[in-house]
Amino acid sequence: MSLDDQRYYEILYGFYPVYWSINFGTFAAHHYILDTAYIDIGCDTVDSSIANVTHRFIYPQYTKKIYFVEGTIKGQLVFEAVGGATVLTSYRVTLCKMGIDGTISDIATTGTITVGKTLAYTGAPYYIGDAVVLPFWIDCSVEKKVEDEERLFLEIEALCSNNFCHLLHGNDPSHIDLKVEIPIRG
């Protein structure tokens, strides 16, 4: 194996800063981001969002060079019952790229994963909902090229029985809600 064939894993965490957003391609005033480290725990962030909508977490940095995604993309997601009981029926995770012109291309996906998990909820006085941590692996054995000035984003889709099912994306390194490891070589 030559030096050019060696890859490294870019480890990224997903969260939602309240007072910061990005405008890029089709993303306007977009708050969901991926970063290599959590920001200060004191920063104002949103801990969860209703899971029944598509979430896109963008990596806000340009690459400024051509590189390839190749190997197994892996990570974890956390879903929780917030405000009432719910059923997480299925989910799908896709790594995508977007060009400056807004062109979106899928790099690789898990496909739809059936879960069928009931998440209970306890009301007053505790207000505690069940949570489930779900790992994922995405096969990207055929290398995918990422061009200059394209940005990566992680797309998460979930099907739930109601809007009490939330995707967690808190800014807390002691409890990782959303993590992805991307194999990159360049």
N, C-alpha and C. Protein backbone atom coordinates (compact mmCIF):
# COMPACT_ATOMS: atom_id res chain seq x y z
N MET A 1 0.85 -1.16 0.00
CA MET A 1 0.00 0.00 0.00
C MET A 1 0.90 1.24 0.00
N SER A 2 0.65 2.12 -0.93
CA SER A 2 1.45 3.34 -0.98
C SER A 2 0.91 4.35 0.02
N LEU A 3 1.68 5.38 0.24
CA LEU A 3 1.28 6.42 1.19
C LEU A 3 -0.02 7.09 0.75
N ASP A 4 -0.22 7.21 -0.57
CA ASP A 4 -1.44 7.85 -1.09
C ASP A 4 -2.69 7.03 -0.81
N ASP A 5 -2.54 5.71 -0.60
CA ASP A 5 -3.69 4.85 -0.35
C ASP A 5 -4.12 4.81 1.11
N GLN A 6 -3.31 5.34 1.99
CA GLN A 6 -3.65 5.33 3.41
C GLN A 6 -4.74 6.34 3.69
N ARG A 7 -5.64 5.97 4.57
CA ARG A 7 -6.73 6.90 4.92
C ARG A 7 -6.71 7.18 6.41
N TYR A 8 -7.34 8.27 6.74
CA TYR A 8 -7.53 8.61 8.14
C TYR A 8 -9.03 8.78 8.37
N TYR A 9 -9.43 8.74 9.63
CA TYR A 9 -10.85 8.89 9.96
C TYR A 9 -11.08 10.28 10.54
N GLU A 10 -11.93 11.04 9.87
CA GLU A 10 -12.36 12.35 10.38
C GLU A 10 -13.53 12.07 11.31
N ILE A 11 -13.35 12.36 12.61
CA ILE A 11 -14.41 12.13 13.60
C ILE A 11 -15.14 13.45 13.82
N LEU A 12 -16.46 13.42 13.62
CA LEU A 12 -17.27 14.63 13.71
C LEU A 12 -18.45 14.41 14.65
N TYR A 13 -18.84 15.48 15.34
CA TYR A 13 -19.97 15.45 16.27
C TYR A 13 -21.02 16.45 15.78
N GLY A 14 -22.29 16.09 15.94
CA GLY A 14 -23.38 16.95 15.48
C GLY A 14 -24.04 17.68 16.62
N PHE A 15 -24.24 19.00 16.42
CA PHE A 15 -24.98 19.80 17.40
C PHE A 15 -25.59 21.02 16.73
N TYR A 16 -26.36 21.77 17.49
CA TYR A 16 -27.16 22.88 16.97
C TYR A 16 -26.90 24.13 17.80
N PRO A 17 -25.96 24.99 17.37
CA PRO A 17 -25.74 26.25 18.09
C PRO A 17 -26.87 27.24 17.78
N VAL A 18 -27.39 27.89 18.81
CA VAL A 18 -28.56 28.77 18.65
C VAL A 18 -28.21 30.04 17.88
N TYR A 19 -27.12 30.69 18.21
CA TYR A 19 -26.84 32.01 17.66
C TYR A 19 -25.80 32.00 16.54
N TRP A 20 -25.62 30.88 15.88
CA TRP A 20 -24.71 30.79 14.74
C TRP A 20 -25.41 29.99 13.65
N SER A 21 -25.24 30.42 12.42
CA SER A 21 -25.81 29.68 11.29
C SER A 21 -24.91 29.85 10.08
N ILE A 22 -25.16 29.04 9.07
CA ILE A 22 -24.36 29.07 7.85
C ILE A 22 -25.29 29.22 6.65
N ASN A 23 -24.82 29.95 5.65
CA ASN A 23 -25.49 30.03 4.36
C ASN A 23 -24.54 29.41 3.34
N PHE A 24 -24.98 28.31 2.73
CA PHE A 24 -24.16 27.64 1.74
C PHE A 24 -25.06 26.81 0.83
N GLY A 25 -24.90 26.95 -0.48
CA GLY A 25 -25.73 26.19 -1.40
C GLY A 25 -27.20 26.38 -1.11
N THR A 26 -27.89 25.30 -0.84
CA THR A 26 -29.32 25.39 -0.53
C THR A 26 -29.59 25.59 0.96
N PHE A 27 -28.54 25.64 1.78
CA PHE A 27 -28.71 25.87 3.21
C PHE A 27 -28.75 27.37 3.47
N ALA A 28 -29.84 27.84 4.04
CA ALA A 28 -29.97 29.25 4.40
C ALA A 28 -30.25 29.34 5.89
N ALA A 29 -29.48 30.16 6.59
CA ALA A 29 -29.62 30.31 8.05
C ALA A 29 -29.70 28.92 8.71
N HIS A 30 -28.77 28.07 8.36
CA HIS A 30 -28.77 26.67 8.79
C HIS A 30 -27.95 26.51 10.07
N HIS A 31 -28.54 25.88 11.10
CA HIS A 31 -27.91 25.75 12.42
C HIS A 31 -27.29 24.39 12.70
N TYR A 32 -27.74 23.33 12.05
CA TYR A 32 -27.25 21.99 12.34
C TYR A 32 -25.85 21.82 11.74
N ILE A 33 -24.85 21.57 12.59
CA ILE A 33 -23.49 21.46 12.08
C ILE A 33 -22.78 20.20 12.59
N LEU A 34 -21.72 19.86 11.90
CA LEU A 34 -20.78 18.82 12.31
C LEU A 34 -19.47 19.52 12.61
N ASP A 35 -18.80 19.11 13.67
CA ASP A 35 -17.49 19.69 13.97
C ASP A 35 -16.60 18.62 14.59
N THR A 36 -15.30 18.88 14.57
CA THR A 36 -14.33 17.90 15.06
C THR A 36 -14.28 17.83 16.58
N ALA A 37 -14.88 18.79 17.26
CA ALA A 37 -14.91 18.79 18.73
C ALA A 37 -16.15 19.55 19.18
N TYR A 38 -16.58 19.25 20.39
CA TYR A 38 -17.68 20.01 20.96
C TYR A 38 -17.20 21.41 21.30
N ILE A 39 -18.09 22.38 21.20
CA ILE A 39 -17.76 23.73 21.63
C ILE A 39 -17.95 23.80 23.14
N ASP A 40 -17.59 24.89 23.75
CA ASP A 40 -17.68 25.04 25.20
C ASP A 40 -19.08 24.67 25.69
N ILE A 41 -19.14 23.91 26.77
CA ILE A 41 -20.40 23.43 27.33
C ILE A 41 -21.34 24.58 27.71
N GLY A 42 -20.79 25.76 27.95
CA GLY A 42 -21.61 26.91 28.30
C GLY A 42 -22.29 27.58 27.12
N CYS A 43 -21.92 27.21 25.90
CA CYS A 43 -22.53 27.82 24.71
C CYS A 43 -23.99 27.40 24.59
N ASP A 44 -24.82 28.32 24.12
CA ASP A 44 -26.24 28.08 23.98
C ASP A 44 -26.51 27.20 22.75
N THR A 45 -26.98 25.98 22.99
CA THR A 45 -27.31 25.05 21.91
C THR A 45 -28.67 24.43 22.18
N VAL A 46 -29.26 23.85 21.14
CA VAL A 46 -30.54 23.14 21.25
C VAL A 46 -30.22 21.66 21.42
N ASP A 47 -30.83 21.01 22.42
CA ASP A 47 -30.50 19.62 22.74
C ASP A 47 -31.16 18.57 21.85
N SER A 48 -32.35 18.90 21.28
CA SER A 48 -33.04 17.90 20.47
C SER A 48 -34.00 18.57 19.50
N SER A 49 -34.41 17.80 18.49
CA SER A 49 -35.39 18.25 17.50
C SER A 49 -36.34 17.10 17.20
N ILE A 50 -37.53 17.42 16.76
CA ILE A 50 -38.50 16.39 16.38
C ILE A 50 -37.88 15.53 15.29
N ALA A 51 -37.92 14.23 15.47
CA ALA A 51 -37.21 13.30 14.58
C ALA A 51 -37.92 13.04 13.26
N ASN A 52 -39.21 13.35 13.17
CA ASN A 52 -39.99 13.04 11.97
C ASN A 52 -39.70 13.93 10.77
N VAL A 53 -38.70 14.77 10.85
CA VAL A 53 -38.30 15.61 9.71
C VAL A 53 -36.87 15.24 9.34
N THR A 54 -36.47 15.56 8.11
CA THR A 54 -35.10 15.29 7.67
C THR A 54 -34.15 16.29 8.30
N HIS A 55 -33.09 15.79 8.91
CA HIS A 55 -32.07 16.64 9.51
C HIS A 55 -30.80 16.55 8.68
N ARG A 56 -30.20 17.69 8.42
CA ARG A 56 -28.94 17.73 7.68
C ARG A 56 -27.91 18.48 8.51
N PHE A 57 -26.87 17.77 8.91
CA PHE A 57 -25.77 18.34 9.69
C PHE A 57 -24.60 18.59 8.75
N ILE A 58 -24.26 19.86 8.54
CA ILE A 58 -23.23 20.23 7.57
C ILE A 58 -21.88 20.43 8.26
N TYR A 59 -20.84 19.99 7.57
CA TYR A 59 -19.47 20.26 8.01
C TYR A 59 -19.08 21.58 7.36
N PRO A 60 -18.94 22.66 8.13
CA PRO A 60 -18.85 24.00 7.53
C PRO A 60 -17.52 24.35 6.87
N GLN A 61 -16.51 23.50 6.96
CA GLN A 61 -15.21 23.84 6.38
C GLN A 61 -15.12 23.38 4.92
N TYR A 62 -14.47 24.20 4.12
CA TYR A 62 -14.08 23.79 2.76
C TYR A 62 -12.88 22.89 2.86
N THR A 63 -12.68 22.05 1.86
CA THR A 63 -11.51 21.18 1.89
C THR A 63 -10.32 21.81 1.18
N LYS A 64 -10.58 22.59 0.13
CA LYS A 64 -9.53 23.26 -0.65
C LYS A 64 -8.62 22.29 -1.37
N LYS A 65 -9.01 21.02 -1.46
CA LYS A 65 -8.28 20.05 -2.26
C LYS A 65 -9.22 18.89 -2.56
N ILE A 66 -8.82 18.08 -3.50
CA ILE A 66 -9.63 16.91 -3.85
C ILE A 66 -9.23 15.76 -2.92
N TYR A 67 -10.23 15.05 -2.41
CA TYR A 67 -9.96 13.86 -1.60
C TYR A 67 -11.05 12.83 -1.88
N PHE A 68 -10.90 11.65 -1.29
CA PHE A 68 -11.83 10.55 -1.53
C PHE A 68 -12.35 10.00 -0.22
N VAL A 69 -13.64 9.66 -0.21
CA VAL A 69 -14.24 8.93 0.91
C VAL A 69 -14.27 7.47 0.46
N GLU A 70 -13.65 6.60 1.27
CA GLU A 70 -13.60 5.18 0.92
C GLU A 70 -13.40 4.36 2.19
N GLY A 71 -14.24 3.36 2.38
CA GLY A 71 -14.16 2.51 3.56
C GLY A 71 -15.50 2.43 4.25
N THR A 72 -15.48 2.20 5.55
CA THR A 72 -16.72 2.11 6.33
C THR A 72 -16.92 3.39 7.12
N ILE A 73 -18.03 4.04 6.83
CA ILE A 73 -18.46 5.23 7.58
C ILE A 73 -19.25 4.68 8.77
N LYS A 74 -18.94 5.16 9.97
CA LYS A 74 -19.64 4.61 11.13
C LYS A 74 -19.96 5.71 12.12
N GLY A 75 -20.91 5.43 13.00
CA GLY A 75 -21.28 6.43 13.99
C GLY A 75 -22.43 5.96 14.86
N GLN A 76 -23.05 6.94 15.51
CA GLN A 76 -24.18 6.65 16.39
C GLN A 76 -25.14 7.83 16.44
N LEU A 77 -26.41 7.49 16.70
CA LEU A 77 -27.49 8.46 16.86
C LEU A 77 -28.22 8.14 18.15
N VAL A 78 -28.86 9.13 18.73
CA VAL A 78 -29.69 8.90 19.91
C VAL A 78 -31.07 9.49 19.67
N PHE A 79 -32.10 8.68 19.90
CA PHE A 79 -33.49 9.13 19.83
C PHE A 79 -34.08 9.01 21.23
N GLU A 80 -34.99 9.94 21.58
CA GLU A 80 -35.58 9.94 22.92
C GLU A 80 -37.05 10.36 22.84
N ALA A 81 -37.86 9.80 23.75
CA ALA A 81 -39.25 10.23 23.90
C ALA A 81 -39.27 11.52 24.71
N VAL A 82 -39.87 12.57 24.14
CA VAL A 82 -39.94 13.88 24.81
C VAL A 82 -41.40 14.33 24.81
N GLY A 83 -42.01 14.37 25.98
CA GLY A 83 -43.39 14.85 26.12
C GLY A 83 -44.45 13.78 26.00
N GLY A 84 -44.09 12.57 25.61
CA GLY A 84 -45.05 11.48 25.50
C GLY A 84 -44.39 10.25 24.91
N ALA A 85 -45.09 9.11 25.00
CA ALA A 85 -44.56 7.85 24.45
C ALA A 85 -44.59 7.90 22.93
N THR A 86 -43.70 7.13 22.31
CA THR A 86 -43.60 7.12 20.86
C THR A 86 -43.02 5.79 20.38
N VAL A 87 -43.11 5.55 19.09
CA VAL A 87 -42.49 4.38 18.48
C VAL A 87 -41.57 4.87 17.37
N LEU A 88 -40.29 4.49 17.46
CA LEU A 88 -39.34 4.76 16.40
C LEU A 88 -39.42 3.57 15.44
N THR A 89 -39.99 3.79 14.27
CA THR A 89 -40.23 2.72 13.31
C THR A 89 -38.98 2.38 12.51
N SER A 90 -38.32 3.42 11.96
CA SER A 90 -37.13 3.19 11.14
C SER A 90 -36.31 4.46 11.04
N TYR A 91 -35.09 4.31 10.54
CA TYR A 91 -34.25 5.47 10.29
C TYR A 91 -33.31 5.18 9.12
N ARG A 92 -32.74 6.24 8.59
CA ARG A 92 -31.80 6.15 7.46
C ARG A 92 -30.76 7.23 7.63
N VAL A 93 -29.49 6.89 7.40
CA VAL A 93 -28.39 7.85 7.50
C VAL A 93 -27.66 7.87 6.16
N THR A 94 -27.43 9.07 5.62
CA THR A 94 -26.75 9.21 4.34
C THR A 94 -25.66 10.27 4.46
N LEU A 95 -24.46 9.95 3.98
CA LEU A 95 -23.41 10.95 3.86
C LEU A 95 -23.53 11.55 2.47
N CYS A 96 -23.61 12.89 2.41
CA CYS A 96 -23.80 13.60 1.15
C CYS A 96 -22.74 14.68 1.00
N LYS A 97 -22.68 15.23 -0.21
CA LYS A 97 -21.82 16.39 -0.45
C LYS A 97 -22.64 17.42 -1.22
N MET A 98 -22.27 18.70 -1.01
CA MET A 98 -22.96 19.78 -1.70
C MET A 98 -21.93 20.74 -2.28
N GLY A 99 -22.15 21.12 -3.53
CA GLY A 99 -21.30 22.10 -4.17
C GLY A 99 -21.78 23.51 -3.89
N ILE A 100 -20.96 24.47 -4.23
CA ILE A 100 -21.30 25.89 -4.02
C ILE A 100 -22.59 26.27 -4.73
N ASP A 101 -22.87 25.59 -5.87
CA ASP A 101 -24.08 25.90 -6.64
C ASP A 101 -25.33 25.22 -6.07
N GLY A 102 -25.18 24.47 -4.99
CA GLY A 102 -26.32 23.81 -4.35
C GLY A 102 -26.56 22.39 -4.84
N THR A 103 -25.74 21.90 -5.76
CA THR A 103 -25.88 20.53 -6.25
C THR A 103 -25.56 19.54 -5.13
N ILE A 104 -26.50 18.64 -4.87
CA ILE A 104 -26.34 17.65 -3.81
C ILE A 104 -26.15 16.27 -4.43
N SER A 105 -25.18 15.52 -3.90
CA SER A 105 -24.94 14.14 -4.32
C SER A 105 -24.80 13.26 -3.09
N ASP A 106 -25.43 12.09 -3.14
CA ASP A 106 -25.24 11.11 -2.08
C ASP A 106 -23.87 10.46 -2.25
N ILE A 107 -23.17 10.26 -1.15
CA ILE A 107 -21.91 9.51 -1.17
C ILE A 107 -22.18 8.06 -0.83
N ALA A 108 -22.89 7.81 0.26
CA ALA A 108 -23.25 6.45 0.66
C ALA A 108 -24.35 6.52 1.70
N THR A 109 -25.12 5.44 1.84
CA THR A 109 -26.25 5.44 2.78
C THR A 109 -26.39 4.08 3.47
N THR A 110 -27.02 4.11 4.62
CA THR A 110 -27.35 2.87 5.33
C THR A 110 -28.52 2.15 4.67
N GLY A 111 -29.31 2.89 3.90
CA GLY A 111 -30.61 2.38 3.48
C GLY A 111 -31.54 2.49 4.68
N THR A 112 -32.77 2.09 4.53
CA THR A 112 -33.72 2.18 5.63
C THR A 112 -33.50 1.02 6.60
N ILE A 113 -33.34 1.37 7.87
CA ILE A 113 -33.12 0.37 8.92
C ILE A 113 -34.38 0.31 9.79
N THR A 114 -35.00 -0.85 9.86
CA THR A 114 -36.22 -1.03 10.64
C THR A 114 -35.84 -1.22 12.11
N VAL A 115 -36.54 -0.45 12.97
CA VAL A 115 -36.25 -0.51 14.41
C VAL A 115 -37.46 -1.05 15.17
N GLY A 116 -38.61 -0.40 15.06
CA GLY A 116 -39.81 -0.83 15.77
C GLY A 116 -39.67 -0.76 17.28
N LYS A 117 -39.00 0.28 17.77
CA LYS A 117 -38.70 0.42 19.21
C LYS A 117 -39.69 1.38 19.86
N THR A 118 -40.38 0.90 20.90
CA THR A 118 -41.27 1.76 21.70
C THR A 118 -40.44 2.50 22.73
N LEU A 119 -40.61 3.81 22.78
CA LEU A 119 -39.93 4.65 23.77
C LEU A 119 -40.98 5.18 24.74
N ALA A 120 -40.94 4.71 25.97
CA ALA A 120 -41.93 5.09 26.99
C ALA A 120 -41.61 6.48 27.53
N TYR A 121 -42.60 7.05 28.18
CA TYR A 121 -42.44 8.37 28.78
C TYR A 121 -43.15 8.39 30.13
N THR A 122 -42.46 8.90 31.14
CA THR A 122 -43.04 9.06 32.48
C THR A 122 -43.32 10.53 32.71
N GLY A 123 -44.54 10.86 33.00
CA GLY A 123 -44.93 12.26 33.22
C GLY A 123 -44.52 12.75 34.60
N ALA A 124 -45.33 13.65 35.17
CA ALA A 124 -45.04 14.27 36.45
C ALA A 124 -44.87 13.20 37.53
N PRO A 125 -44.01 13.35 38.45
CA PRO A 125 -43.14 14.51 38.67
C PRO A 125 -41.77 14.38 38.00
N TYR A 126 -41.52 13.28 37.23
CA TYR A 126 -40.16 13.01 36.75
C TYR A 126 -39.89 13.51 35.33
N TYR A 127 -40.86 13.41 34.45
CA TYR A 127 -40.70 13.84 33.06
C TYR A 127 -39.46 13.21 32.41
N ILE A 128 -39.45 11.90 32.40
CA ILE A 128 -38.32 11.16 31.86
C ILE A 128 -38.79 10.31 30.69
N GLY A 129 -38.09 10.40 29.57
CA GLY A 129 -38.41 9.58 28.40
C GLY A 129 -37.32 8.57 28.14
N ASP A 130 -37.72 7.41 27.64
CA ASP A 130 -36.74 6.40 27.23
C ASP A 130 -35.91 6.94 26.07
N ALA A 131 -34.67 6.51 26.01
CA ALA A 131 -33.80 6.86 24.90
C ALA A 131 -33.21 5.58 24.34
N VAL A 132 -32.84 5.62 23.07
CA VAL A 132 -32.18 4.49 22.44
C VAL A 132 -30.98 5.02 21.64
N VAL A 133 -29.82 4.39 21.86
CA VAL A 133 -28.61 4.73 21.12
C VAL A 133 -28.47 3.72 19.99
N LEU A 134 -28.42 4.22 18.76
CA LEU A 134 -28.37 3.34 17.60
C LEU A 134 -27.08 3.54 16.83
N PRO A 135 -26.26 2.50 16.72
CA PRO A 135 -25.06 2.61 15.91
C PRO A 135 -25.41 2.45 14.43
N PHE A 136 -24.55 2.95 13.57
CA PHE A 136 -24.73 2.71 12.14
C PHE A 136 -23.38 2.52 11.47
N TRP A 137 -23.42 1.74 10.38
CA TRP A 137 -22.26 1.50 9.53
C TRP A 137 -22.72 1.68 8.10
N ILE A 138 -21.95 2.40 7.32
CA ILE A 138 -22.28 2.62 5.91
C ILE A 138 -21.11 2.14 5.07
N ASP A 139 -21.39 1.21 4.17
CA ASP A 139 -20.35 0.69 3.28
C ASP A 139 -20.10 1.69 2.15
N CYS A 140 -18.87 2.13 2.04
CA CYS A 140 -18.46 2.99 0.94
C CYS A 140 -17.18 2.39 0.35
N SER A 141 -17.31 1.14 -0.13
CA SER A 141 -16.14 0.43 -0.63
C SER A 141 -15.67 0.95 -1.98
N VAL A 142 -16.56 1.58 -2.73
CA VAL A 142 -16.17 2.24 -3.98
C VAL A 142 -15.89 3.70 -3.65
N GLU A 143 -14.66 4.14 -3.89
CA GLU A 143 -14.27 5.50 -3.51
C GLU A 143 -15.17 6.55 -4.15
N LYS A 144 -15.47 7.59 -3.37
CA LYS A 144 -16.28 8.71 -3.84
C LYS A 144 -15.44 9.98 -3.76
N LYS A 145 -15.35 10.67 -4.86
CA LYS A 145 -14.52 11.87 -4.96
C LYS A 145 -15.25 13.08 -4.38
N VAL A 146 -14.53 13.86 -3.59
CA VAL A 146 -15.04 15.13 -3.07
C VAL A 146 -14.14 16.22 -3.64
N GLU A 147 -14.74 17.13 -4.40
CA GLU A 147 -14.00 18.16 -5.13
C GLU A 147 -13.69 19.38 -4.26
N ASP A 148 -12.83 20.25 -4.80
CA ASP A 148 -12.54 21.53 -4.16
C ASP A 148 -13.85 22.26 -3.87
N GLU A 149 -13.93 22.85 -2.73
CA GLU A 149 -15.05 23.71 -2.31
C GLU A 149 -16.40 23.01 -2.26
N GLU A 150 -16.40 21.68 -2.12
CA GLU A 150 -17.62 20.98 -1.79
C GLU A 150 -17.62 20.76 -0.28
N ARG A 151 -18.78 20.66 0.29
CA ARG A 151 -18.89 20.43 1.73
C ARG A 151 -19.69 19.16 1.99
N LEU A 152 -19.26 18.44 3.02
CA LEU A 152 -19.95 17.22 3.42
C LEU A 152 -21.11 17.55 4.37
N PHE A 153 -22.15 16.74 4.31
CA PHE A 153 -23.19 16.81 5.34
C PHE A 153 -23.77 15.44 5.57
N LEU A 154 -24.28 15.24 6.77
CA LEU A 154 -24.91 13.98 7.17
C LEU A 154 -26.41 14.21 7.20
N GLU A 155 -27.14 13.38 6.45
CA GLU A 155 -28.60 13.48 6.38
C GLU A 155 -29.20 12.34 7.20
N ILE A 156 -30.10 12.69 8.11
CA ILE A 156 -30.74 11.71 8.99
C ILE A 156 -32.25 11.80 8.80
N GLU A 157 -32.84 10.67 8.44
CA GLU A 157 -34.29 10.60 8.28
C GLU A 157 -34.82 9.54 9.24
N ALA A 158 -35.92 9.85 9.92
CA ALA A 158 -36.52 8.90 10.85
C ALA A 158 -38.02 8.87 10.63
N LEU A 159 -38.61 7.71 10.84
CA LEU A 159 -40.06 7.55 10.78
C LEU A 159 -40.52 7.14 12.17
N CYS A 160 -41.37 7.99 12.76
CA CYS A 160 -41.85 7.76 14.13
C CYS A 160 -43.37 7.82 14.14
N SER A 161 -43.97 7.30 15.21
CA SER A 161 -45.43 7.25 15.30
C SER A 161 -46.05 8.61 15.58
N ASN A 162 -45.25 9.55 16.11
CA ASN A 162 -45.76 10.88 16.43
C ASN A 162 -44.57 11.84 16.62
N ASN A 163 -44.87 13.07 17.00
CA ASN A 163 -43.80 14.07 17.16
C ASN A 163 -43.17 14.07 18.55
N PHE A 164 -43.43 13.04 19.37
CA PHE A 164 -42.77 12.94 20.67
C PHE A 164 -41.38 12.29 20.54
N CYS A 165 -41.09 11.74 19.38
CA CYS A 165 -39.77 11.14 19.14
C CYS A 165 -38.81 12.25 18.71
N HIS A 166 -37.72 12.40 19.45
CA HIS A 166 -36.75 13.46 19.16
C HIS A 166 -35.38 12.86 18.85
N LEU A 167 -34.68 13.51 17.92
CA LEU A 167 -33.28 13.22 17.64
C LEU A 167 -32.46 14.11 18.56
N LEU A 168 -31.55 13.52 19.33
CA LEU A 168 -30.74 14.31 20.25
C LEU A 168 -29.48 14.81 19.54
N HIS A 169 -29.10 16.05 19.87
CA HIS A 169 -27.89 16.65 19.31
C HIS A 169 -27.34 17.70 20.28
N GLY A 170 -27.21 17.28 21.54
CA GLY A 170 -26.72 18.18 22.58
C GLY A 170 -25.23 18.42 22.48
N ASN A 171 -24.80 19.50 23.08
CA ASN A 171 -23.39 19.90 23.11
C ASN A 171 -22.78 19.45 24.43
N ASP A 172 -22.62 18.14 24.60
CA ASP A 172 -22.13 17.61 25.86
C ASP A 172 -21.21 16.43 25.60
N PRO A 173 -19.88 16.63 25.72
CA PRO A 173 -18.95 15.55 25.42
C PRO A 173 -19.03 14.37 26.39
N SER A 174 -19.72 14.52 27.54
CA SER A 174 -19.84 13.40 28.46
C SER A 174 -20.94 12.42 28.02
N HIS A 175 -21.82 12.86 27.11
CA HIS A 175 -22.87 12.00 26.56
C HIS A 175 -22.99 12.30 25.07
N ILE A 176 -22.37 11.49 24.25
CA ILE A 176 -22.32 11.76 22.81
C ILE A 176 -23.65 11.37 22.16
N ASP A 177 -24.32 12.37 21.56
CA ASP A 177 -25.61 12.13 20.91
C ASP A 177 -25.45 11.75 19.44
N LEU A 178 -24.63 12.48 18.72
CA LEU A 178 -24.49 12.25 17.29
C LEU A 178 -23.02 12.29 16.92
N LYS A 179 -22.54 11.17 16.41
CA LYS A 179 -21.11 11.05 16.07
C LYS A 179 -21.00 10.30 14.75
N VAL A 180 -20.06 10.73 13.91
CA VAL A 180 -19.80 10.02 12.65
C VAL A 180 -18.28 10.01 12.41
N GLU A 181 -17.79 8.88 11.94
CA GLU A 181 -16.38 8.74 11.56
C GLU A 181 -16.32 8.47 10.07
N ILE A 182 -15.63 9.34 9.34
CA ILE A 182 -15.60 9.28 7.89
C ILE A 182 -14.19 8.91 7.41
N PRO A 183 -14.03 7.80 6.68
CA PRO A 183 -12.71 7.41 6.17
C PRO A 183 -12.34 8.26 4.95
N ILE A 184 -11.25 9.00 5.05
CA ILE A 184 -10.84 9.93 4.00
C ILE A 184 -9.41 9.63 3.60
N ARG A 185 -9.16 9.69 2.31
CA ARG A 185 -7.80 9.63 1.83
C ARG A 185 -7.64 10.70 0.77
N GLY A 186 -6.47 11.25 0.68
CA GLY A 186 -6.28 12.35 -0.26
C GLY A 186 -4.94 12.49 -0.70
